[in-house]
PDB file of N, CA and C in Angstrom:
ATOM      1  N   MET A   1     116.180  94.453   9.060  1.00  0.00           N
ATOM      2  CA  MET A   1     116.799  93.309   9.841  1.00  0.00           C
ATOM      3  C   MET A   1     117.326  93.679  11.121  1.00  0.00           C
ATOM      4  N   ARG A   2     118.215  94.771  11.094  1.00  0.00           N
ATOM      5  CA  ARG A   2     118.576  95.378  12.219  1.00  0.00           C
ATOM      6  C   ARG A   2     117.675  95.845  13.224  1.00  0.00           C
ATOM      7  N   GLN A   3     116.725  96.401  12.475  1.00  0.00           N
ATOM      8  CA  GLN A   3     115.601  97.229  13.398  1.00  0.00           C
ATOM      9  C   GLN A   3     114.918  96.162  14.109  1.00  0.00           C
ATOM     10  N   ARG A   4     114.483  94.960  13.483  1.00  0.00           N
ATOM     11  CA  ARG A   4     113.862  93.826  14.254  1.00  0.00           C
ATOM     12  C   ARG A   4     114.445  93.536  15.493  1.00  0.00           C
ATOM     13  N   ILE A   5     115.922  93.319  15.211  1.00  0.00           N
ATOM     14  CA  ILE A   5     116.810  92.766  16.453  1.00  0.00           C
ATOM     15  C   ILE A   5     116.710  93.825  17.494  1.00  0.00           C
ATOM     16  N   ALA A   6     116.776  95.127  17.206  1.00  0.00           N
ATOM     17  CA  ALA A   6     116.699  96.120  18.147  1.00  0.00           C
ATOM     18  C   ALA A   6     115.435  96.214  18.930  1.00  0.00           C
ATOM     19  N   ILE A   7     114.263  96.050  18.142  1.00  0.00           N
ATOM     20  CA  ILE A   7     112.962  95.979  18.634  1.00  0.00           C
ATOM     21  C   ILE A   7     112.967  94.790  19.735  1.00  0.00           C
ATOM     22  N   HIS A   8     113.384  93.600  19.236  1.00  0.00           N
ATOM     23  CA  HIS A   8     113.451  92.478  19.963  1.00  0.00           C
ATOM     24  C   HIS A   8     114.118  92.588  21.285  1.00  0.00           C
ATOM     25  N   THR A   9     115.310  93.231  21.257  1.00  0.00           N
ATOM     26  CA  THR A   9     116.321  93.376  22.459  1.00  0.00           C
ATOM     27  C   THR A   9     115.572  94.369  23.579  1.00  0.00           C
ATOM     28  N   TYR A  10     114.966  95.381  22.883  1.00  0.00           N
ATOM     29  CA  TYR A  10     114.281  96.607  23.645  1.00  0.00           C
ATOM     30  C   TYR A  10     113.116  95.777  24.570  1.00  0.00           C
ATOM     31  N   ALA A  11     112.382  94.941  23.688  1.00  0.00           N
ATOM     32  CA  ALA A  11     111.022  94.345  24.201  1.00  0.00           C
ATOM     33  C   ALA A  11     111.650  93.537  25.437  1.00  0.00           C
ATOM     34  N   ARG A  12     112.651  92.680  25.292  1.00  0.00           N
ATOM     35  CA  ARG A  12     113.116  91.796  26.271  1.00  0.00           C
ATOM     36  C   ARG A  12     113.677  92.561  27.493  1.00  0.00           C
ATOM     37  N   ILE A  13     114.322  93.866  27.317  1.00  0.00           N
ATOM     38  CA  ILE A  13     115.049  94.592  28.383  1.00  0.00           C
ATOM     39  C   ILE A  13     113.561  95.189  29.162  1.00  0.00           C
ATOM     40  N   SER A  14     112.876  95.647  28.429  1.00  0.00           N
ATOM     41  CA  SER A  14     111.578  96.122  29.012  1.00  0.00           C
ATOM     42  C   SER A  14     110.802  95.260  29.874  1.00  0.00           C
ATOM     43  N   VAL A  15     110.657  93.982  29.255  1.00  0.00           N
ATOM     44  CA  VAL A  15     110.124  92.943  30.013  1.00  0.00           C
ATOM     45  C   VAL A  15     110.720  92.714  31.211  1.00  0.00           C
ATOM     46  N   ARG A  16     112.003  92.505  31.352  1.00  0.00           N
ATOM     47  CA  ARG A  16     112.888  92.379  32.339  1.00  0.00           C
ATOM     48  C   ARG A  16     112.810  93.348  33.257  1.00  0.00           C
ATOM     49  N   LEU A  17     112.910  94.526  33.023  1.00  0.00           N
ATOM     50  CA  LEU A  17     112.718  95.805  33.868  1.00  0.00           C
ATOM     51  C   LEU A  17     111.350  95.858  34.611  1.00  0.00           C
ATOM     52  N   SER A  18     110.476  95.613  33.777  1.00  0.00           N
ATOM     53  CA  SER A  18     109.056  95.754  34.467  1.00  0.00           C
ATOM     54  C   SER A  18     108.912  94.434  35.648  1.00  0.00           C
ATOM     55  N   ILE A  19     109.398  93.384  35.269  1.00  0.00           N
ATOM     56  CA  ILE A  19     109.263  92.136  36.176  1.00  0.00           C
ATOM     57  C   ILE A  19     110.268  92.505  37.552  1.00  0.00           C
ATOM     58  N   HIS A  20     111.327  93.076  37.196  1.00  0.00           N
ATOM     59  CA  HIS A  20     112.116  93.432  38.476  1.00  0.00           C
ATOM     60  C   HIS A  20     111.494  94.522  39.209  1.00  0.00           C
ATOM     61  N   SER A  21     110.880  95.536  38.547  1.00  0.00           N
ATOM     62  CA  SER A  21     110.218  96.533  39.270  1.00  0.00           C
ATOM     63  C   SER A  21     109.035  96.071  40.039  1.00  0.00           C
ATOM     64  N   LEU A  22     108.380  95.213  39.585  1.00  0.00           N
ATOM     65  CA  LEU A  22     107.221  94.577  40.225  1.00  0.00           C
ATOM     66  C   LEU A  22     107.603  93.817  41.480  1.00  0.00           C
ATOM     67  N   ILE A  23     108.625  93.007  41.286  1.00  0.00           N
ATOM     68  CA  ILE A  23     109.146  92.216  42.501  1.00  0.00           C
ATOM     69  C   ILE A  23     109.651  93.322  43.510  1.00  0.00           C
ATOM     70  N   ARG A  24     110.266  94.168  43.235  1.00  0.00           N
ATOM     71  CA  ARG A  24     110.881  95.187  44.315  1.00  0.00           C
ATOM     72  C   ARG A  24     109.701  96.044  44.764  1.00  0.00           C
ATOM     73  N   LEU A  25     108.601  96.325  43.878  1.00  0.00           N
ATOM     74  CA  LEU A  25     107.387  97.013  44.509  1.00  0.00           C
ATOM     75  C   LEU A  25     106.801  96.011  45.564  1.00  0.00           C
ATOM     76  N   HIS A  26     106.627  94.890  45.227  1.00  0.00           N
ATOM     77  CA  HIS A  26     106.261  93.806  46.142  1.00  0.00           C
ATOM     78  C   HIS A  26     106.868  93.573  47.335  1.00  0.00           C
ATOM     79  N   GLN A  27     107.910  93.577  47.304  1.00  0.00           N
ATOM     80  CA  GLN A  27     108.944  93.306  48.477  1.00  0.00           C
ATOM     81  C   GLN A  27     108.711  94.616  49.345  1.00  0.00           C
ATOM     82  N   ARG A  28     108.622  95.679  48.708  1.00  0.00           N
ATOM     83  CA  ARG A  28     108.623  96.985  49.308  1.00  0.00           C
ATOM     84  C   ARG A  28     107.206  97.053  50.239  1.00  0.00           C
ATOM     85  N   THR A  29     106.369  96.703  49.543  1.00  0.00           N
ATOM     86  CA  THR A  29     104.856  96.874  50.108  1.00  0.00           C
ATOM     87  C   THR A  29     104.772  95.986  51.167  1.00  0.00           C
ATOM     88  N   THR A  30     105.266  94.653  51.047  1.00  0.00           N
ATOM     89  CA  THR A  30     105.035  93.691  52.186  1.00  0.00           C
ATOM     90  C   THR A  30     105.879  94.177  53.440  1.00  0.00           C
ATOM     91  N   VAL A  31     107.049  94.569  53.143  1.00  0.00           N
ATOM     92  CA  VAL A  31     107.807  95.272  54.268  1.00  0.00           C
ATOM     93  C   VAL A  31     106.963  96.370  54.941  1.00  0.00           C
ATOM     94  N   ARG A  32     106.594  97.385  54.132  1.00  0.00           N
ATOM     95  CA  ARG A  32     105.792  98.419  54.634  1.00  0.00           C
ATOM     96  C   ARG A  32     104.634  97.923  55.312  1.00  0.00           C
ATOM     97  N   PHE A  33     103.827  97.029  54.844  1.00  0.00           N
ATOM     98  CA  PHE A  33     102.596  96.406  55.811  1.00  0.00           C
ATOM     99  C   PHE A  33     103.078  95.775  57.008  1.00  0.00           C
ATOM    100  N   SER A  34     104.308  95.092  57.067  1.00  0.00           N
ATOM    101  CA  SER A  34     104.605  94.443  58.351  1.00  0.00           C
ATOM    102  C   SER A  34     105.210  95.672  59.179  1.00  0.00           C
ATOM    103  N   VAL A  35     105.566  96.740  58.917  1.00  0.00           N
ATOM    104  CA  VAL A  35     106.245  97.678  59.584  1.00  0.00           C
ATOM    105  C   VAL A  35     105.140  98.837  59.863  1.00  0.00           C
ATOM    106  N   HIS A  36     104.341  99.138  58.903  1.00  0.00           N
ATOM    107  CA  HIS A  36     103.272 100.114  59.421  1.00  0.00           C
ATOM    108  C   HIS A  36     101.702  99.607  59.614  1.00  0.00           C
ATOM    109  N   PRO A  37     101.362  99.492  60.590  1.00  0.00           N
ATOM    110  CA  PRO A  37      99.976  98.791  60.615  1.00  0.00           C
ATOM    111  C   PRO A  37      98.764  99.846  60.361  1.00  0.00           C
ATOM    112  N   TYR A  38      99.223 101.028  60.609  1.00  0.00           N
ATOM    113  CA  TYR A  38      98.316 102.273  60.250  1.00  0.00           C
ATOM    114  C   TYR A  38      98.326 102.471  58.647  1.00  0.00           C
ATOM    115  N   PHE A  39      99.270 102.119  57.992  1.00  0.00           N
ATOM    116  CA  PHE A  39      99.274 102.080  56.559  1.00  0.00           C
ATOM    117  C   PHE A  39      98.323 101.054  55.893  1.00  0.00           C
ATOM    118  N   ASN A  40      98.498  99.786  56.505  1.00  0.00           N
ATOM    119  CA  ASN A  40      97.755  98.723  56.348  1.00  0.00           C
ATOM    120  C   ASN A  40      96.221  98.941  56.677  1.00  0.00           C
ATOM    121  N   GLN A  41      95.888  99.492  57.646  1.00  0.00           N
ATOM    122  CA  GLN A  41      94.565  99.790  57.921  1.00  0.00           C
ATOM    123  C   GLN A  41      94.077 100.891  56.904  1.00  0.00           C
ATOM    124  N   SER A  42      94.751 101.789  56.648  1.00  0.00           N
ATOM    125  CA  SER A  42      94.221 102.865  55.770  1.00  0.00           C
ATOM    126  C   SER A  42      94.039 102.102  54.291  1.00  0.00           C
ATOM    127  N   ILE A  43      94.851 101.217  53.951  1.00  0.00           N
ATOM    128  CA  ILE A  43      94.681 100.523  52.578  1.00  0.00           C
ATOM    129  C   ILE A  43      93.416  99.761  52.620  1.00  0.00           C
ATOM    130  N   ARG A  44      93.115  99.068  53.864  1.00  0.00           N
ATOM    131  CA  ARG A  44      91.820  98.358  53.975  1.00  0.00           C
ATOM    132  C   ARG A  44      90.577  99.267  53.881  1.00  0.00           C
ATOM    133  N   MET A  45      90.750 100.291  54.720  1.00  0.00           N
ATOM    134  CA  MET A  45      89.625 101.450  54.561  1.00  0.00           C
ATOM    135  C   MET A  45      89.371 101.863  53.026  1.00  0.00           C
ATOM    136  N   TRP A  46      90.757 101.938  52.426  1.00  0.00           N
ATOM    137  CA  TRP A  46      90.543 102.572  51.019  1.00  0.00           C
ATOM    138  C   TRP A  46      89.925 101.696  50.162  1.00  0.00           C
ATOM    139  N   ARG A  47      90.037 100.285  50.431  1.00  0.00           N
ATOM    140  CA  ARG A  47      89.537  99.507  49.482  1.00  0.00           C
ATOM    141  C   ARG A  47      87.942  99.231  49.529  1.00  0.00           C
ATOM    142  N   GLN A  48      87.509  99.418  50.792  1.00  0.00           N
ATOM    143  CA  GLN A  48      86.107  99.349  51.113  1.00  0.00           C
ATOM    144  C   GLN A  48      85.319 100.463  50.272  1.00  0.00           C
TER     145      GLN A  48
END
């Protein structure tokens, strides 16, 4: 029973951490795109 609770809390914490890191990464990339046009251009070339 205690193990199940521990697994549940760990899953909740990991989900929250992943969502938080995704949001931070998104904010960082948008800032980088607005600041560095060269980086944006290289990403566009890399996608093609």
